Amino acid sequence: MLRRLPSKWREMMIRPLHVEMTALPKDSAFADFAGTAPEAGAENAITFSLPDLHVPFVSFHGAMRSYFEPELLPGGAGTIEDVSEKLGLSRRTLQPKRAEENTTFQKQRNSTREILAIHDIRNTDMSTNDMAYLPGYAERNSFLRAFAVWTGKSITEYRKGLEEEARAQG
């Protein structure tokens, strides 16, 4: 069931540019909530504008993140076995579900690592060593290489770009 949000929150909501679903809803509740009607497609996908992807979650809560995040990522944890156990599923059940979604466990883990790293750079003064450790990288250099692949920049270059962006905005 989709709930109606208070008007002050609806004004701040991020709206998807495009929504694609393998099974379309039977009524307009989803379209009313999302602000756009979903289209039939081969996979479930939501497309947002690039600026919207950089808006921090209103519901972000550092204490809650620090509670949940350590359970599956730091220190190399976060294997498919760890996640399967946490979800109460067998590995054999989890893997086909990823295949149905045209993805793999490794792709999803890397995507999560990327999201966390970019969030931490934008919103914390965390050290590079801590940023490498929290998503489960055993070595700082592995994290730095992955970050360069994700963004096309070193962490230093990325931070400079954020500083320039902030100066340009006022």
N, C-alpha and C. Protein backbone atom coordinates (compact mmCIF):
# COMPACT_ATOMS: atom_id res chain seq x y z
N MET A 1 0.84 -1.17 0.00
CA MET A 1 0.00 0.00 0.00
C MET A 1 0.89 1.25 0.00
N LEU A 2 0.59 2.18 -0.86
CA LEU A 2 1.35 3.43 -0.92
C LEU A 2 0.65 4.46 -0.05
N ARG A 3 1.43 5.15 0.76
CA ARG A 3 0.86 6.15 1.65
C ARG A 3 1.01 7.54 1.07
N ARG A 4 0.13 8.40 1.44
CA ARG A 4 0.20 9.80 1.07
C ARG A 4 1.19 10.50 2.00
N LEU A 5 2.12 11.23 1.45
CA LEU A 5 3.11 11.94 2.25
C LEU A 5 2.63 13.35 2.57
N PRO A 6 3.10 13.91 3.67
CA PRO A 6 2.77 15.31 3.97
C PRO A 6 3.22 16.21 2.83
N SER A 7 2.51 17.29 2.59
CA SER A 7 2.79 18.15 1.44
C SER A 7 4.21 18.69 1.45
N LYS A 8 4.78 19.03 2.62
CA LYS A 8 6.15 19.56 2.63
C LYS A 8 7.15 18.52 2.15
N TRP A 9 6.89 17.23 2.36
CA TRP A 9 7.78 16.18 1.88
C TRP A 9 7.59 15.94 0.39
N ARG A 10 6.36 16.01 -0.08
CA ARG A 10 6.11 15.77 -1.51
C ARG A 10 6.85 16.78 -2.37
N GLU A 11 6.98 18.02 -1.88
CA GLU A 11 7.70 19.05 -2.62
C GLU A 11 9.18 18.72 -2.75
N MET A 12 9.75 18.02 -1.77
CA MET A 12 11.16 17.70 -1.77
C MET A 12 11.46 16.36 -2.44
N MET A 13 10.43 15.61 -2.80
CA MET A 13 10.65 14.27 -3.31
C MET A 13 11.38 14.26 -4.65
N ILE A 14 12.21 13.28 -4.78
CA ILE A 14 12.88 13.03 -6.04
C ILE A 14 11.94 12.20 -6.90
N ARG A 15 11.78 12.59 -8.13
CA ARG A 15 10.88 11.89 -9.04
C ARG A 15 11.70 11.16 -10.10
N PRO A 16 11.37 9.92 -10.40
CA PRO A 16 12.10 9.21 -11.45
C PRO A 16 11.80 9.81 -12.82
N LEU A 17 12.79 9.74 -13.69
CA LEU A 17 12.59 10.19 -15.07
C LEU A 17 11.82 9.14 -15.87
N HIS A 18 12.08 7.87 -15.53
CA HIS A 18 11.48 6.76 -16.28
C HIS A 18 11.38 5.55 -15.36
N VAL A 19 10.26 4.84 -15.47
CA VAL A 19 10.07 3.61 -14.71
C VAL A 19 9.65 2.52 -15.68
N GLU A 20 10.36 1.40 -15.62
CA GLU A 20 10.06 0.24 -16.47
C GLU A 20 9.78 -0.94 -15.54
N MET A 21 8.68 -1.68 -15.84
CA MET A 21 8.32 -2.82 -14.98
C MET A 21 7.94 -4.03 -15.84
N THR A 22 8.31 -5.19 -15.34
CA THR A 22 7.94 -6.42 -16.05
C THR A 22 6.47 -6.73 -15.87
N ALA A 23 5.88 -6.31 -14.76
CA ALA A 23 4.45 -6.50 -14.50
C ALA A 23 3.88 -5.15 -14.08
N LEU A 24 3.06 -4.57 -14.92
CA LEU A 24 2.51 -3.25 -14.64
C LEU A 24 1.43 -3.34 -13.55
N PRO A 25 1.35 -2.31 -12.70
CA PRO A 25 0.29 -2.27 -11.68
C PRO A 25 -1.09 -2.19 -12.34
N LYS A 26 -2.08 -2.71 -11.64
CA LYS A 26 -3.43 -2.74 -12.20
C LYS A 26 -4.17 -1.41 -12.03
N ASP A 27 -3.68 -0.54 -11.14
CA ASP A 27 -4.33 0.76 -10.95
C ASP A 27 -3.27 1.87 -11.04
N SER A 28 -3.69 3.08 -10.75
CA SER A 28 -2.79 4.22 -10.91
C SER A 28 -2.06 4.61 -9.62
N ALA A 29 -2.17 3.82 -8.56
CA ALA A 29 -1.56 4.19 -7.28
C ALA A 29 -0.05 4.40 -7.39
N PHE A 30 0.63 3.51 -8.11
CA PHE A 30 2.08 3.66 -8.25
C PHE A 30 2.42 4.92 -9.03
N ALA A 31 1.74 5.14 -10.15
CA ALA A 31 2.01 6.33 -10.97
C ALA A 31 1.73 7.60 -10.18
N ASP A 32 0.66 7.60 -9.38
CA ASP A 32 0.35 8.76 -8.55
C ASP A 32 1.47 9.02 -7.54
N PHE A 33 1.97 7.96 -6.94
CA PHE A 33 3.03 8.09 -5.94
C PHE A 33 4.36 8.50 -6.57
N ALA A 34 4.75 7.82 -7.66
CA ALA A 34 6.05 8.06 -8.28
C ALA A 34 6.09 9.32 -9.14
N GLY A 35 4.93 9.77 -9.58
CA GLY A 35 4.90 10.97 -10.42
C GLY A 35 5.11 10.68 -11.89
N THR A 36 5.16 9.41 -12.24
CA THR A 36 5.31 9.01 -13.64
C THR A 36 4.70 7.62 -13.81
N ALA A 37 4.09 7.40 -14.95
CA ALA A 37 3.48 6.09 -15.20
C ALA A 37 4.55 5.10 -15.65
N PRO A 38 4.55 3.91 -15.07
CA PRO A 38 5.52 2.90 -15.51
C PRO A 38 5.18 2.38 -16.90
N GLU A 39 6.22 1.96 -17.60
CA GLU A 39 6.04 1.36 -18.92
C GLU A 39 6.43 -0.11 -18.85
N ALA A 40 5.82 -0.92 -19.68
CA ALA A 40 6.16 -2.35 -19.73
C ALA A 40 7.56 -2.50 -20.29
N GLY A 41 8.32 -3.43 -19.70
CA GLY A 41 9.67 -3.65 -20.16
C GLY A 41 10.17 -5.03 -19.81
N ALA A 42 11.35 -5.34 -20.28
CA ALA A 42 11.95 -6.66 -20.07
C ALA A 42 12.52 -6.81 -18.66
N GLU A 43 12.74 -5.68 -17.96
CA GLU A 43 13.27 -5.74 -16.60
C GLU A 43 12.68 -4.60 -15.78
N ASN A 44 12.81 -4.71 -14.48
CA ASN A 44 12.39 -3.63 -13.58
C ASN A 44 13.53 -2.64 -13.48
N ALA A 45 13.26 -1.39 -13.80
CA ALA A 45 14.32 -0.38 -13.78
C ALA A 45 13.71 0.99 -13.50
N ILE A 46 14.45 1.79 -12.75
CA ILE A 46 14.06 3.17 -12.48
C ILE A 46 15.23 4.06 -12.86
N THR A 47 14.97 5.11 -13.61
CA THR A 47 16.00 6.05 -14.03
C THR A 47 15.76 7.40 -13.36
N PHE A 48 16.80 7.91 -12.69
CA PHE A 48 16.74 9.20 -12.03
C PHE A 48 17.70 10.16 -12.72
N SER A 49 17.49 11.46 -12.53
CA SER A 49 18.43 12.44 -13.07
C SER A 49 19.71 12.38 -12.25
N LEU A 50 20.83 12.73 -12.87
CA LEU A 50 22.12 12.71 -12.18
C LEU A 50 22.11 13.61 -10.94
N PRO A 51 21.60 14.84 -11.00
CA PRO A 51 21.58 15.67 -9.78
C PRO A 51 20.79 15.01 -8.65
N ASP A 52 19.68 14.34 -8.97
CA ASP A 52 18.89 13.68 -7.93
C ASP A 52 19.66 12.55 -7.26
N LEU A 53 20.55 11.90 -7.99
CA LEU A 53 21.32 10.81 -7.40
C LEU A 53 22.32 11.29 -6.36
N HIS A 54 22.61 12.57 -6.36
CA HIS A 54 23.57 13.13 -5.40
C HIS A 54 22.89 13.73 -4.17
N VAL A 55 21.57 13.71 -4.13
CA VAL A 55 20.85 14.25 -2.97
C VAL A 55 20.89 13.21 -1.86
N PRO A 56 21.36 13.57 -0.66
CA PRO A 56 21.39 12.60 0.44
C PRO A 56 19.98 12.19 0.83
N PHE A 57 19.83 10.97 1.31
CA PHE A 57 18.54 10.50 1.78
C PHE A 57 18.10 11.33 2.97
N VAL A 58 16.85 11.78 2.96
CA VAL A 58 16.31 12.52 4.08
C VAL A 58 16.32 11.62 5.31
N SER A 59 16.12 10.34 5.09
CA SER A 59 16.04 9.40 6.20
C SER A 59 17.41 8.86 6.63
N PHE A 60 18.50 9.39 6.07
CA PHE A 60 19.82 8.90 6.45
C PHE A 60 20.02 9.10 7.94
N HIS A 61 20.45 8.09 8.60
CA HIS A 61 20.67 8.14 10.04
C HIS A 61 21.97 7.41 10.34
N GLY A 62 23.01 8.17 10.68
CA GLY A 62 24.33 7.60 10.88
C GLY A 62 24.38 6.50 11.91
N ALA A 63 23.64 6.67 13.01
CA ALA A 63 23.65 5.63 14.05
C ALA A 63 23.05 4.33 13.53
N MET A 64 21.99 4.43 12.75
CA MET A 64 21.38 3.21 12.18
C MET A 64 22.33 2.57 11.17
N ARG A 65 22.98 3.40 10.37
CA ARG A 65 23.93 2.84 9.40
C ARG A 65 25.05 2.10 10.14
N SER A 66 25.54 2.71 11.21
CA SER A 66 26.64 2.07 11.93
C SER A 66 26.19 0.77 12.58
N TYR A 67 24.90 0.63 12.82
CA TYR A 67 24.39 -0.62 13.38
C TYR A 67 24.30 -1.70 12.31
N PHE A 68 23.72 -1.36 11.16
CA PHE A 68 23.49 -2.37 10.13
C PHE A 68 24.71 -2.67 9.28
N GLU A 69 25.46 -1.65 8.89
CA GLU A 69 26.56 -1.82 7.96
C GLU A 69 27.61 -2.83 8.42
N PRO A 70 28.03 -2.82 9.69
CA PRO A 70 29.08 -3.76 10.10
C PRO A 70 28.69 -5.23 9.98
N GLU A 71 27.41 -5.51 9.91
CA GLU A 71 26.99 -6.90 9.88
C GLU A 71 27.40 -7.63 8.61
N LEU A 72 27.53 -6.93 7.51
CA LEU A 72 27.80 -7.64 6.26
C LEU A 72 29.00 -7.17 5.47
N LEU A 73 29.56 -6.02 5.76
CA LEU A 73 30.63 -5.56 4.91
C LEU A 73 32.03 -5.54 5.53
N PRO A 74 32.29 -4.86 6.62
CA PRO A 74 33.67 -4.67 7.04
C PRO A 74 34.46 -5.94 7.26
N GLY A 75 35.76 -5.79 7.04
CA GLY A 75 36.68 -6.88 7.29
C GLY A 75 36.55 -8.03 6.32
N GLY A 76 35.99 -7.79 5.16
CA GLY A 76 35.89 -8.84 4.16
C GLY A 76 34.61 -9.65 4.24
N ALA A 77 33.78 -9.41 5.28
CA ALA A 77 32.49 -10.10 5.34
C ALA A 77 31.64 -9.60 4.18
N GLY A 78 30.51 -10.17 4.00
CA GLY A 78 29.65 -9.74 2.90
C GLY A 78 29.76 -10.69 1.74
N THR A 79 30.14 -11.94 2.01
CA THR A 79 30.15 -12.94 0.95
C THR A 79 28.72 -13.36 0.67
N ILE A 80 28.54 -14.08 -0.39
CA ILE A 80 27.19 -14.55 -0.72
C ILE A 80 26.66 -15.46 0.39
N GLU A 81 27.55 -16.18 1.05
CA GLU A 81 27.13 -17.02 2.17
C GLU A 81 26.64 -16.18 3.34
N ASP A 82 27.37 -15.08 3.64
CA ASP A 82 26.97 -14.18 4.73
C ASP A 82 25.59 -13.58 4.46
N VAL A 83 25.40 -13.11 3.24
CA VAL A 83 24.13 -12.47 2.89
C VAL A 83 23.00 -13.50 2.87
N SER A 84 23.26 -14.66 2.31
CA SER A 84 22.24 -15.72 2.29
C SER A 84 21.78 -16.04 3.71
N GLU A 85 22.75 -16.20 4.61
CA GLU A 85 22.42 -16.53 6.00
C GLU A 85 21.60 -15.41 6.64
N LYS A 86 22.03 -14.15 6.42
CA LYS A 86 21.33 -13.01 7.01
C LYS A 86 19.89 -12.91 6.50
N LEU A 87 19.68 -13.24 5.22
CA LEU A 87 18.34 -13.18 4.63
C LEU A 87 17.52 -14.43 4.91
N GLY A 88 18.16 -15.43 5.48
CA GLY A 88 17.44 -16.68 5.74
C GLY A 88 17.18 -17.49 4.49
N LEU A 89 18.06 -17.35 3.50
CA LEU A 89 17.94 -18.07 2.24
C LEU A 89 19.19 -18.92 2.04
N SER A 90 19.06 -19.96 1.24
CA SER A 90 20.25 -20.72 0.88
C SER A 90 20.95 -20.00 -0.27
N ARG A 91 22.22 -20.30 -0.44
CA ARG A 91 22.97 -19.73 -1.56
C ARG A 91 22.31 -20.14 -2.88
N ARG A 92 21.84 -21.38 -2.94
CA ARG A 92 21.19 -21.88 -4.15
C ARG A 92 19.90 -21.14 -4.48
N THR A 93 19.24 -20.60 -3.47
CA THR A 93 18.03 -19.81 -3.69
C THR A 93 18.39 -18.39 -4.12
N LEU A 94 19.42 -17.83 -3.49
CA LEU A 94 19.80 -16.45 -3.76
C LEU A 94 20.37 -16.27 -5.17
N GLN A 95 21.21 -17.17 -5.62
CA GLN A 95 21.84 -17.01 -6.93
C GLN A 95 20.84 -16.95 -8.09
N PRO A 96 19.86 -17.86 -8.18
CA PRO A 96 18.90 -17.75 -9.29
C PRO A 96 18.09 -16.45 -9.25
N LYS A 97 17.83 -15.94 -8.03
CA LYS A 97 17.10 -14.67 -7.94
C LYS A 97 17.91 -13.54 -8.58
N ARG A 98 19.23 -13.55 -8.41
CA ARG A 98 20.07 -12.54 -9.05
C ARG A 98 20.05 -12.73 -10.56
N ALA A 99 20.08 -13.98 -11.02
CA ALA A 99 20.05 -14.25 -12.46
C ALA A 99 18.74 -13.77 -13.07
N GLU A 100 17.64 -13.96 -12.36
CA GLU A 100 16.34 -13.48 -12.85
C GLU A 100 16.35 -11.97 -13.03
N GLU A 101 17.13 -11.28 -12.22
CA GLU A 101 17.23 -9.82 -12.29
C GLU A 101 18.38 -9.37 -13.18
N ASN A 102 18.96 -10.31 -13.92
CA ASN A 102 20.05 -10.03 -14.85
C ASN A 102 21.23 -9.35 -14.16
N THR A 103 21.58 -9.88 -12.99
CA THR A 103 22.72 -9.35 -12.25
C THR A 103 23.40 -10.51 -11.53
N THR A 104 24.46 -10.19 -10.83
CA THR A 104 25.17 -11.19 -10.03
C THR A 104 25.38 -10.63 -8.63
N PHE A 105 25.70 -11.50 -7.72
CA PHE A 105 25.99 -11.07 -6.36
C PHE A 105 27.17 -10.10 -6.37
N GLN A 106 28.20 -10.40 -7.13
CA GLN A 106 29.39 -9.54 -7.17
C GLN A 106 29.04 -8.15 -7.71
N LYS A 107 28.21 -8.09 -8.75
CA LYS A 107 27.81 -6.78 -9.28
C LYS A 107 27.06 -5.97 -8.23
N GLN A 108 26.17 -6.63 -7.50
CA GLN A 108 25.40 -5.93 -6.47
C GLN A 108 26.30 -5.48 -5.32
N ARG A 109 27.26 -6.32 -4.93
CA ARG A 109 28.17 -5.95 -3.86
C ARG A 109 29.04 -4.76 -4.30
N ASN A 110 29.53 -4.79 -5.53
CA ASN A 110 30.34 -3.67 -6.03
C ASN A 110 29.52 -2.39 -6.13
N SER A 111 28.27 -2.51 -6.55
CA SER A 111 27.40 -1.34 -6.63
C SER A 111 27.18 -0.75 -5.24
N THR A 112 26.97 -1.61 -4.24
CA THR A 112 26.81 -1.14 -2.87
C THR A 112 28.07 -0.46 -2.37
N ARG A 113 29.21 -1.06 -2.67
CA ARG A 113 30.49 -0.46 -2.27
C ARG A 113 30.66 0.93 -2.89
N GLU A 114 30.31 1.06 -4.16
CA GLU A 114 30.43 2.35 -4.84
C GLU A 114 29.52 3.40 -4.21
N ILE A 115 28.28 3.04 -3.96
CA ILE A 115 27.33 3.97 -3.35
C ILE A 115 27.83 4.43 -1.99
N LEU A 116 28.31 3.48 -1.18
CA LEU A 116 28.81 3.83 0.16
C LEU A 116 30.03 4.74 0.07
N ALA A 117 30.95 4.44 -0.84
CA ALA A 117 32.17 5.24 -0.96
C ALA A 117 31.84 6.67 -1.38
N ILE A 118 30.99 6.83 -2.36
CA ILE A 118 30.65 8.17 -2.83
C ILE A 118 29.88 8.93 -1.74
N HIS A 119 29.00 8.23 -1.05
CA HIS A 119 28.29 8.88 0.05
C HIS A 119 29.28 9.35 1.11
N ASP A 120 30.21 8.50 1.49
CA ASP A 120 31.17 8.85 2.54
C ASP A 120 32.06 10.02 2.14
N ILE A 121 32.47 10.06 0.89
CA ILE A 121 33.31 11.18 0.43
C ILE A 121 32.51 12.48 0.44
N ARG A 122 31.26 12.42 0.04
CA ARG A 122 30.43 13.62 -0.02
C ARG A 122 29.97 14.10 1.36
N ASN A 123 29.80 13.18 2.30
CA ASN A 123 29.11 13.54 3.54
C ASN A 123 29.89 13.32 4.84
N THR A 124 31.12 12.85 4.75
CA THR A 124 31.89 12.63 5.97
C THR A 124 33.32 13.11 5.76
N ASP A 125 34.08 13.14 6.85
CA ASP A 125 35.51 13.43 6.75
C ASP A 125 36.31 12.16 7.04
N MET A 126 35.72 11.03 6.72
CA MET A 126 36.32 9.73 6.96
C MET A 126 37.63 9.58 6.18
N SER A 127 38.59 8.90 6.79
CA SER A 127 39.87 8.68 6.12
C SER A 127 39.71 7.65 5.00
N THR A 128 40.63 7.67 4.06
CA THR A 128 40.60 6.71 2.96
C THR A 128 40.73 5.28 3.49
N ASN A 129 41.55 5.09 4.52
CA ASN A 129 41.68 3.75 5.11
C ASN A 129 40.34 3.25 5.65
N ASP A 130 39.60 4.12 6.35
CA ASP A 130 38.30 3.73 6.87
C ASP A 130 37.31 3.47 5.74
N MET A 131 37.36 4.31 4.70
CA MET A 131 36.46 4.10 3.57
C MET A 131 36.75 2.78 2.87
N ALA A 132 38.00 2.35 2.87
CA ALA A 132 38.36 1.07 2.26
C ALA A 132 37.91 -0.09 3.14
N TYR A 133 38.07 0.05 4.45
CA TYR A 133 37.74 -1.03 5.38
C TYR A 133 36.23 -1.27 5.47
N LEU A 134 35.44 -0.21 5.60
CA LEU A 134 34.01 -0.38 5.84
C LEU A 134 33.30 -1.22 4.78
N PRO A 135 33.56 -1.02 3.49
CA PRO A 135 32.89 -1.89 2.51
C PRO A 135 33.60 -3.22 2.29
N GLY A 136 34.61 -3.52 3.11
CA GLY A 136 35.19 -4.85 3.07
C GLY A 136 36.43 -5.03 2.21
N TYR A 137 37.10 -3.95 1.84
CA TYR A 137 38.34 -4.10 1.08
C TYR A 137 39.47 -4.47 2.04
N ALA A 138 40.21 -5.50 1.71
CA ALA A 138 41.33 -5.93 2.56
C ALA A 138 42.50 -4.97 2.44
N GLU A 139 42.63 -4.32 1.29
CA GLU A 139 43.75 -3.40 1.07
C GLU A 139 43.25 -2.06 0.55
N ARG A 140 43.86 -1.01 1.04
CA ARG A 140 43.52 0.36 0.64
C ARG A 140 43.68 0.53 -0.86
N ASN A 141 44.76 -0.01 -1.44
CA ASN A 141 45.02 0.16 -2.86
C ASN A 141 43.93 -0.49 -3.73
N SER A 142 43.37 -1.59 -3.27
CA SER A 142 42.27 -2.22 -4.02
C SER A 142 41.07 -1.29 -4.06
N PHE A 143 40.79 -0.64 -2.94
CA PHE A 143 39.70 0.33 -2.87
C PHE A 143 39.98 1.51 -3.79
N LEU A 144 41.20 2.03 -3.76
CA LEU A 144 41.55 3.19 -4.60
C LEU A 144 41.40 2.86 -6.08
N ARG A 145 41.82 1.66 -6.49
CA ARG A 145 41.66 1.25 -7.89
C ARG A 145 40.18 1.14 -8.25
N ALA A 146 39.40 0.53 -7.37
CA ALA A 146 37.96 0.39 -7.63
C ALA A 146 37.31 1.77 -7.75
N PHE A 147 37.67 2.70 -6.87
CA PHE A 147 37.09 4.04 -6.91
C PHE A 147 37.40 4.72 -8.24
N ALA A 148 38.62 4.56 -8.72
CA ALA A 148 39.02 5.15 -10.00
C ALA A 148 38.22 4.54 -11.15
N VAL A 149 37.92 3.25 -11.07
CA VAL A 149 37.11 2.60 -12.11
C VAL A 149 35.68 3.16 -12.07
N TRP A 150 35.12 3.31 -10.86
CA TRP A 150 33.74 3.79 -10.72
C TRP A 150 33.57 5.21 -11.22
N THR A 151 34.52 6.08 -10.88
CA THR A 151 34.34 7.52 -11.12
C THR A 151 35.21 8.08 -12.23
N GLY A 152 36.25 7.35 -12.61
CA GLY A 152 37.21 7.87 -13.59
C GLY A 152 38.17 8.87 -12.97
N LYS A 153 38.17 8.97 -11.63
CA LYS A 153 39.02 9.93 -10.93
C LYS A 153 39.61 9.30 -9.68
N SER A 154 40.72 9.89 -9.23
CA SER A 154 41.25 9.50 -7.93
C SER A 154 40.37 10.16 -6.87
N ILE A 155 40.50 9.72 -5.62
CA ILE A 155 39.73 10.34 -4.54
C ILE A 155 40.07 11.82 -4.41
N THR A 156 41.35 12.15 -4.54
CA THR A 156 41.77 13.56 -4.46
C THR A 156 41.11 14.38 -5.56
N GLU A 157 41.11 13.87 -6.79
CA GLU A 157 40.47 14.58 -7.91
C GLU A 157 38.97 14.72 -7.67
N TYR A 158 38.35 13.66 -7.16
CA TYR A 158 36.91 13.68 -6.90
C TYR A 158 36.58 14.74 -5.85
N ARG A 159 37.37 14.79 -4.78
CA ARG A 159 37.14 15.79 -3.73
C ARG A 159 37.33 17.21 -4.25
N LYS A 160 38.35 17.41 -5.09
CA LYS A 160 38.56 18.74 -5.68
C LYS A 160 37.36 19.14 -6.53
N GLY A 161 36.82 18.18 -7.27
CA GLY A 161 35.63 18.46 -8.07
C GLY A 161 34.44 18.85 -7.20
N LEU A 162 34.29 18.20 -6.06
CA LEU A 162 33.21 18.56 -5.13
C LEU A 162 33.40 19.97 -4.58
N GLU A 163 34.66 20.32 -4.26
CA GLU A 163 34.96 21.66 -3.75
C GLU A 163 34.64 22.71 -4.80
N GLU A 164 35.02 22.43 -6.06
CA GLU A 164 34.73 23.38 -7.16
C GLU A 164 33.22 23.50 -7.36
N GLU A 165 32.52 22.41 -7.28
CA GLU A 165 31.06 22.39 -7.42
C GLU A 165 30.42 23.24 -6.32
N ALA A 166 30.91 23.08 -5.08
CA ALA A 166 30.38 23.84 -3.95
C ALA A 166 30.64 25.35 -4.12
N ARG A 167 31.85 25.71 -4.59
CA ARG A 167 32.17 27.12 -4.81
C ARG A 167 31.28 27.70 -5.90
N ALA A 168 31.04 26.94 -6.95
CA ALA A 168 30.22 27.43 -8.06
C ALA A 168 28.77 27.64 -7.64
N GLN A 169 28.31 26.85 -6.67
CA GLN A 169 26.92 26.97 -6.21
C GLN A 169 26.73 28.07 -5.17
N GLY A 170 27.81 28.58 -4.70
CA GLY A 170 27.61 29.73 -3.85
C GLY A 170 28.31 29.76 -2.59
